[in-house]
């Protein structure tokens, strides 16, 4: 359907889990979650798209628009 920031809303992070309500191809909506530990890694203080367990070394995760902020 498109970019996360254009097709999902009510996004929130609790611990390492990102939850959003996202548009479906039929025009409906679905609430979906993903554990960010399965796709994001802390590489020397920078978040990278790699399987890992970033929540072990990063703190204060939050969303700012469609960006995730974390202190690593």
C-alpha atoms as a PDB file:
ATOM      1  CA  UNK A   1       0.000   0.000   0.000  1.00  0.00           C
ATOM      2  CA  UNK A   2       2.774   2.423   0.640  1.00  0.00           C
ATOM      3  CA  UNK A   3       4.941   3.973   3.250  1.00  0.00           C
ATOM      4  CA  UNK A   4       4.313   3.278   6.915  1.00  0.00           C
ATOM      5  CA  UNK A   5       3.960   6.989   7.708  1.00  0.00           C
ATOM      6  CA  UNK A   6       1.310   7.444   5.007  1.00  0.00           C
ATOM      7  CA  UNK A   7      -0.827   4.357   5.651  1.00  0.00           C
ATOM      8  CA  UNK A   8      -0.652   3.786   9.428  1.00  0.00           C
ATOM      9  CA  UNK A   9      -1.759   5.827  12.448  1.00  0.00           C
ATOM     10  CA  UNK A  10      -2.063   5.547  16.248  1.00  0.00           C
ATOM     11  CA  UNK A  11       1.509   4.252  16.354  1.00  0.00           C
ATOM     12  CA  UNK A  12       3.102   3.595  19.728  1.00  0.00           C
ATOM     13  CA  UNK A  13       6.126   1.807  21.161  1.00  0.00           C
ATOM     14  CA  UNK A  14       5.961  -0.180  24.376  1.00  0.00           C
ATOM     15  CA  UNK A  15       9.298  -1.713  25.243  1.00  0.00           C
ATOM     16  CA  UNK A  16      10.577  -3.068  21.927  1.00  0.00           C
ATOM     17  CA  UNK A  17       7.118  -3.573  20.344  1.00  0.00           C
ATOM     18  CA  UNK A  18       5.796  -1.109  17.742  1.00  0.00           C
ATOM     19  CA  UNK A  19       1.994  -1.187  17.318  1.00  0.00           C
ATOM     20  CA  UNK A  20       0.077   0.703  14.602  1.00  0.00           C
ATOM     21  CA  UNK A  21      -3.319   0.720  12.948  1.00  0.00           C
ATOM     22  CA  UNK A  22      -2.645   0.310   9.220  1.00  0.00           C
ATOM     23  CA  UNK A  23      -4.736   0.534   6.057  1.00  0.00           C
ATOM     24  CA  UNK A  24      -5.577  -2.691   4.210  1.00  0.00           C
ATOM     25  CA  UNK A  25      -5.929  -3.076   0.440  1.00  0.00           C
ATOM     26  CA  UNK A  26      -9.722  -3.411   0.842  1.00  0.00           C
ATOM     27  CA  UNK A  27      -9.895   0.027   2.514  1.00  0.00           C
ATOM     28  CA  UNK A  28     -10.316  -1.374   6.020  1.00  0.00           C
ATOM     29  CA  UNK A  29      -7.827  -1.117   8.863  1.00  0.00           C
ATOM     30  CA  UNK A  30      -5.904  -3.645  10.920  1.00  0.00           C
ATOM     31  CA  UNK A  31      -3.989  -3.195  14.179  1.00  0.00           C
ATOM     32  CA  UNK A  32      -0.575  -4.775  13.805  1.00  0.00           C
ATOM     33  CA  UNK A  33       2.533  -5.131  15.976  1.00  0.00           C
ATOM     34  CA  UNK A  34       6.175  -5.956  15.355  1.00  0.00           C
ATOM     35  CA  UNK A  35       8.933  -6.646  17.854  1.00  0.00           C
ATOM     36  CA  UNK A  36      11.687  -4.273  16.761  1.00  0.00           C
ATOM     37  CA  UNK A  37      14.294  -6.560  18.337  1.00  0.00           C
ATOM     38  CA  UNK A  38      13.761  -8.847  15.337  1.00  0.00           C
ATOM     39  CA  UNK A  39      14.763  -6.153  12.807  1.00  0.00           C
ATOM     40  CA  UNK A  40      16.889  -3.441  14.498  1.00  0.00           C
ATOM     41  CA  UNK A  41      20.390  -3.653  15.953  1.00  0.00           C
ATOM     42  CA  UNK A  42      22.465  -1.147  17.919  1.00  0.00           C
ATOM     43  CA  UNK A  43      25.794  -0.894  16.058  1.00  0.00           C
ATOM     44  CA  UNK A  44      28.139   1.309  18.076  1.00  0.00           C
ATOM     45  CA  UNK A  45      25.365   3.750  18.990  1.00  0.00           C
ATOM     46  CA  UNK A  46      23.573   3.766  15.609  1.00  0.00           C
ATOM     47  CA  UNK A  47      20.357   1.862  14.866  1.00  0.00           C
ATOM     48  CA  UNK A  48      20.685  -0.465  11.838  1.00  0.00           C
ATOM     49  CA  UNK A  49      18.165  -2.721  10.089  1.00  0.00           C
ATOM     50  CA  UNK A  50      19.510  -6.087  11.225  1.00  0.00           C
ATOM     51  CA  UNK A  51      18.096  -8.849  13.420  1.00  0.00           C
ATOM     52  CA  UNK A  52      19.229  -8.337  17.004  1.00  0.00           C
ATOM     53  CA  UNK A  53      18.141  -7.262  20.468  1.00  0.00           C
ATOM     54  CA  UNK A  54      18.544  -3.451  20.426  1.00  0.00           C
ATOM     55  CA  UNK A  55      16.377  -2.898  23.528  1.00  0.00           C
ATOM     56  CA  UNK A  56      19.168  -4.418  25.659  1.00  0.00           C
ATOM     57  CA  UNK A  57      21.507  -1.501  24.847  1.00  0.00           C
ATOM     58  CA  UNK A  58      19.090   1.361  23.976  1.00  0.00           C
ATOM     59  CA  UNK A  59      16.777   3.290  26.294  1.00  0.00           C
ATOM     60  CA  UNK A  60      13.967   5.850  26.108  1.00  0.00           C
ATOM     61  CA  UNK A  61      12.494   4.558  22.831  1.00  0.00           C
ATOM     62  CA  UNK A  62       9.760   6.777  21.414  1.00  0.00           C
ATOM     63  CA  UNK A  63       8.147   7.774  18.124  1.00  0.00           C
ATOM     64  CA  UNK A  64       8.543  11.224  16.589  1.00  0.00           C
ATOM     65  CA  UNK A  65       6.234  11.165  13.579  1.00  0.00           C
ATOM     66  CA  UNK A  66       7.374   8.120  11.615  1.00  0.00           C
ATOM     67  CA  UNK A  67      10.869   8.066  13.157  1.00  0.00           C
ATOM     68  CA  UNK A  68      11.918   6.044  16.150  1.00  0.00           C
ATOM     69  CA  UNK A  69      14.156   7.772  18.672  1.00  0.00           C
ATOM     70  CA  UNK A  70      16.293   5.879  21.159  1.00  0.00           C
ATOM     71  CA  UNK A  71      19.282   6.574  23.366  1.00  0.00           C
ATOM     72  CA  UNK A  72      21.911   3.944  22.559  1.00  0.00           C
END
